Amino acid sequence: MGIVGLLIGYGVQKREWLVNGSCYGFAITFVFMVAGYAGNAYLISRIPFFAMLGLFGGLCGLVLGLMGFEIKAEADNPGR
């Protein structure tokens, strides 16, 4: 997740890292939780909890997108 999050931020222009990074982080976390669920309770009862974890993943993706964007900005303008 980390390398792809950095690449997302590195490959975008201006503030696109905000949406792209957070959507990527939420999607990858939520889908991982749903796909890996093997509990006895119905999956639909676990969706709110998985969504909360997805929000945390979205926050992590947002930070990684920002980091990638800043790395690109520093590479384009050294010593800003």
N, C-alpha and C. Protein backbone atom coordinates (compact mmCIF):
# COMPACT_ATOMS: atom_id res chain seq x y z
N MET A 1 0.82 -1.18 0.00
CA MET A 1 0.00 0.00 0.00
C MET A 1 0.87 1.25 0.00
N GLY A 2 1.96 1.20 0.70
CA GLY A 2 2.78 2.39 0.85
C GLY A 2 3.41 2.87 -0.43
N ILE A 3 3.99 1.97 -1.19
CA ILE A 3 4.67 2.37 -2.42
C ILE A 3 3.66 2.90 -3.43
N VAL A 4 2.52 2.23 -3.56
CA VAL A 4 1.50 2.69 -4.50
C VAL A 4 0.95 4.04 -4.07
N GLY A 5 0.75 4.24 -2.78
CA GLY A 5 0.29 5.53 -2.28
C GLY A 5 1.26 6.66 -2.61
N LEU A 6 2.55 6.39 -2.48
CA LEU A 6 3.55 7.39 -2.85
C LEU A 6 3.54 7.65 -4.35
N LEU A 7 3.38 6.60 -5.14
CA LEU A 7 3.33 6.77 -6.59
C LEU A 7 2.10 7.54 -7.03
N ILE A 8 1.00 7.35 -6.34
CA ILE A 8 -0.21 8.12 -6.66
C ILE A 8 0.05 9.61 -6.44
N GLY A 9 0.65 9.94 -5.33
CA GLY A 9 0.97 11.35 -5.07
C GLY A 9 2.03 11.89 -6.01
N TYR A 10 2.96 11.06 -6.41
CA TYR A 10 4.04 11.49 -7.28
C TYR A 10 3.54 11.75 -8.70
N GLY A 11 2.52 11.02 -9.11
CA GLY A 11 2.07 11.08 -10.49
C GLY A 11 0.95 12.06 -10.79
N VAL A 12 0.52 12.85 -9.82
CA VAL A 12 -0.61 13.75 -10.05
C VAL A 12 -0.17 15.21 -10.07
N GLN A 13 -1.08 16.05 -10.51
CA GLN A 13 -0.84 17.49 -10.55
C GLN A 13 -1.63 18.17 -9.45
N LYS A 14 -1.10 19.21 -8.90
CA LYS A 14 -1.73 20.08 -7.91
C LYS A 14 -2.36 19.30 -6.75
N ARG A 15 -3.66 19.47 -6.50
CA ARG A 15 -4.29 18.89 -5.32
C ARG A 15 -5.01 17.56 -5.59
N GLU A 16 -4.73 16.92 -6.71
CA GLU A 16 -5.36 15.64 -6.99
C GLU A 16 -4.94 14.56 -6.00
N TRP A 17 -3.79 14.72 -5.37
CA TRP A 17 -3.32 13.73 -4.41
C TRP A 17 -4.30 13.59 -3.26
N LEU A 18 -5.02 14.66 -2.95
CA LEU A 18 -5.95 14.63 -1.83
C LEU A 18 -7.05 13.60 -2.06
N VAL A 19 -7.71 13.68 -3.20
CA VAL A 19 -8.81 12.76 -3.50
C VAL A 19 -8.28 11.38 -3.87
N ASN A 20 -7.29 11.35 -4.75
CA ASN A 20 -6.78 10.06 -5.22
C ASN A 20 -6.18 9.22 -4.09
N GLY A 21 -5.39 9.84 -3.25
CA GLY A 21 -4.76 9.10 -2.14
C GLY A 21 -5.77 8.60 -1.13
N SER A 22 -6.73 9.43 -0.77
CA SER A 22 -7.71 9.00 0.24
C SER A 22 -8.66 7.95 -0.32
N CYS A 23 -9.08 8.08 -1.58
CA CYS A 23 -9.95 7.07 -2.18
C CYS A 23 -9.22 5.74 -2.32
N TYR A 24 -7.96 5.78 -2.73
CA TYR A 24 -7.18 4.56 -2.84
C TYR A 24 -7.03 3.89 -1.48
N GLY A 25 -6.68 4.65 -0.46
CA GLY A 25 -6.49 4.09 0.88
C GLY A 25 -7.77 3.47 1.42
N PHE A 26 -8.91 4.17 1.26
CA PHE A 26 -10.18 3.62 1.72
C PHE A 26 -10.53 2.35 0.97
N ALA A 27 -10.41 2.39 -0.35
CA ALA A 27 -10.81 1.23 -1.17
C ALA A 27 -9.97 0.01 -0.87
N ILE A 28 -8.67 0.16 -0.79
CA ILE A 28 -7.81 -1.00 -0.57
C ILE A 28 -8.03 -1.59 0.82
N THR A 29 -8.24 -0.75 1.81
CA THR A 29 -8.47 -1.24 3.17
C THR A 29 -9.83 -1.92 3.29
N PHE A 30 -10.87 -1.28 2.77
CA PHE A 30 -12.22 -1.83 2.86
C PHE A 30 -12.33 -3.15 2.10
N VAL A 31 -11.81 -3.20 0.90
CA VAL A 31 -11.89 -4.42 0.10
C VAL A 31 -11.08 -5.54 0.74
N PHE A 32 -9.94 -5.23 1.30
CA PHE A 32 -9.13 -6.24 1.99
C PHE A 32 -9.91 -6.83 3.17
N MET A 33 -10.58 -5.98 3.93
CA MET A 33 -11.36 -6.47 5.07
C MET A 33 -12.53 -7.35 4.63
N VAL A 34 -13.25 -6.92 3.61
CA VAL A 34 -14.40 -7.69 3.14
C VAL A 34 -13.94 -9.02 2.54
N ALA A 35 -12.90 -8.99 1.73
CA ALA A 35 -12.43 -10.20 1.08
C ALA A 35 -11.85 -11.21 2.08
N GLY A 36 -11.25 -10.73 3.14
CA GLY A 36 -10.64 -11.62 4.11
C GLY A 36 -11.56 -12.06 5.24
N TYR A 37 -12.81 -11.60 5.21
CA TYR A 37 -13.72 -11.92 6.31
C TYR A 37 -14.14 -13.39 6.23
N ALA A 38 -13.97 -14.08 7.35
CA ALA A 38 -14.33 -15.49 7.41
C ALA A 38 -15.04 -15.80 8.73
N GLY A 39 -15.75 -14.81 9.27
CA GLY A 39 -16.41 -14.99 10.56
C GLY A 39 -17.75 -15.70 10.44
N ASN A 40 -18.34 -15.97 11.60
CA ASN A 40 -19.63 -16.66 11.65
C ASN A 40 -20.80 -15.71 11.43
N ALA A 41 -20.65 -14.47 11.81
CA ALA A 41 -21.74 -13.49 11.65
C ALA A 41 -21.87 -13.10 10.19
N TYR A 42 -23.04 -12.60 9.83
CA TYR A 42 -23.25 -12.14 8.46
C TYR A 42 -22.33 -10.98 8.13
N LEU A 43 -21.86 -10.96 6.91
CA LEU A 43 -20.95 -9.91 6.47
C LEU A 43 -21.58 -8.53 6.60
N ILE A 44 -22.86 -8.43 6.31
CA ILE A 44 -23.54 -7.12 6.36
C ILE A 44 -23.48 -6.50 7.76
N SER A 45 -23.39 -7.33 8.78
CA SER A 45 -23.30 -6.79 10.14
C SER A 45 -21.91 -6.23 10.46
N ARG A 46 -20.94 -6.58 9.67
CA ARG A 46 -19.57 -6.11 9.88
C ARG A 46 -19.21 -4.90 9.02
N ILE A 47 -20.07 -4.52 8.08
CA ILE A 47 -19.78 -3.43 7.16
C ILE A 47 -19.47 -2.11 7.89
N PRO A 48 -20.24 -1.71 8.92
CA PRO A 48 -19.89 -0.44 9.60
C PRO A 48 -18.48 -0.44 10.20
N PHE A 49 -18.09 -1.55 10.80
CA PHE A 49 -16.76 -1.64 11.38
C PHE A 49 -15.69 -1.59 10.28
N PHE A 50 -15.93 -2.31 9.18
CA PHE A 50 -14.98 -2.28 8.07
C PHE A 50 -14.90 -0.89 7.45
N ALA A 51 -16.01 -0.17 7.42
CA ALA A 51 -16.01 1.19 6.89
C ALA A 51 -15.19 2.12 7.78
N MET A 52 -15.26 1.93 9.10
CA MET A 52 -14.44 2.74 10.01
C MET A 52 -12.95 2.46 9.78
N LEU A 53 -12.61 1.19 9.61
CA LEU A 53 -11.22 0.86 9.31
C LEU A 53 -10.83 1.43 7.94
N GLY A 54 -11.76 1.43 7.01
CA GLY A 54 -11.51 2.02 5.69
C GLY A 54 -11.23 3.50 5.78
N LEU A 55 -11.91 4.20 6.69
CA LEU A 55 -11.64 5.63 6.88
C LEU A 55 -10.22 5.86 7.38
N PHE A 56 -9.77 5.00 8.26
CA PHE A 56 -8.38 5.08 8.72
C PHE A 56 -7.43 4.82 7.56
N GLY A 57 -7.74 3.82 6.74
CA GLY A 57 -6.94 3.56 5.55
C GLY A 57 -6.94 4.74 4.59
N GLY A 58 -8.09 5.41 4.49
CA GLY A 58 -8.17 6.61 3.66
C GLY A 58 -7.28 7.72 4.16
N LEU A 59 -7.22 7.87 5.47
CA LEU A 59 -6.32 8.86 6.07
C LEU A 59 -4.87 8.51 5.77
N CYS A 60 -4.53 7.25 5.88
CA CYS A 60 -3.16 6.82 5.57
C CYS A 60 -2.84 7.05 4.10
N GLY A 61 -3.79 6.75 3.21
CA GLY A 61 -3.59 7.00 1.79
C GLY A 61 -3.43 8.47 1.49
N LEU A 62 -4.17 9.31 2.20
CA LEU A 62 -4.05 10.75 2.04
C LEU A 62 -2.65 11.23 2.40
N VAL A 63 -2.13 10.73 3.50
CA VAL A 63 -0.78 11.12 3.94
C VAL A 63 0.27 10.63 2.94
N LEU A 64 0.11 9.41 2.44
CA LEU A 64 1.06 8.89 1.46
C LEU A 64 0.99 9.67 0.15
N GLY A 65 -0.22 10.05 -0.25
CA GLY A 65 -0.36 10.87 -1.45
C GLY A 65 0.33 12.22 -1.30
N LEU A 66 0.17 12.82 -0.14
CA LEU A 66 0.85 14.09 0.14
C LEU A 66 2.36 13.93 0.11
N MET A 67 2.85 12.86 0.71
CA MET A 67 4.29 12.63 0.72
C MET A 67 4.84 12.45 -0.69
N GLY A 68 4.12 11.68 -1.52
CA GLY A 68 4.55 11.51 -2.90
C GLY A 68 4.54 12.80 -3.68
N PHE A 69 3.52 13.63 -3.45
CA PHE A 69 3.43 14.93 -4.11
C PHE A 69 4.59 15.84 -3.68
N GLU A 70 4.90 15.83 -2.41
CA GLU A 70 6.01 16.66 -1.91
C GLU A 70 7.36 16.17 -2.43
N ILE A 71 7.51 14.86 -2.57
CA ILE A 71 8.76 14.33 -3.13
C ILE A 71 8.92 14.81 -4.57
N LYS A 72 7.83 14.76 -5.33
CA LYS A 72 7.88 15.24 -6.72
C LYS A 72 8.17 16.75 -6.76
N ALA A 73 7.51 17.51 -5.90
CA ALA A 73 7.74 18.96 -5.87
C ALA A 73 9.18 19.29 -5.54
N GLU A 74 9.76 18.55 -4.62
CA GLU A 74 11.16 18.78 -4.25
C GLU A 74 12.10 18.38 -5.39
N ALA A 75 11.76 17.30 -6.10
CA ALA A 75 12.59 16.89 -7.22
C ALA A 75 12.53 17.88 -8.37
N ASP A 76 11.35 18.49 -8.58
CA ASP A 76 11.20 19.47 -9.65
C ASP A 76 11.84 20.82 -9.30
N ASN A 77 11.83 21.20 -8.05
CA ASN A 77 12.38 22.47 -7.59
C ASN A 77 13.31 22.24 -6.40
N PRO A 78 14.53 21.79 -6.63
CA PRO A 78 15.41 21.51 -5.49
C PRO A 78 15.73 22.77 -4.69
N GLY A 79 15.71 22.62 -3.38
CA GLY A 79 16.05 23.72 -2.49
C GLY A 79 15.00 24.81 -2.42
N ARG A 80 13.75 24.44 -2.54
CA ARG A 80 12.68 25.45 -2.53
C ARG A 80 12.77 26.32 -1.34
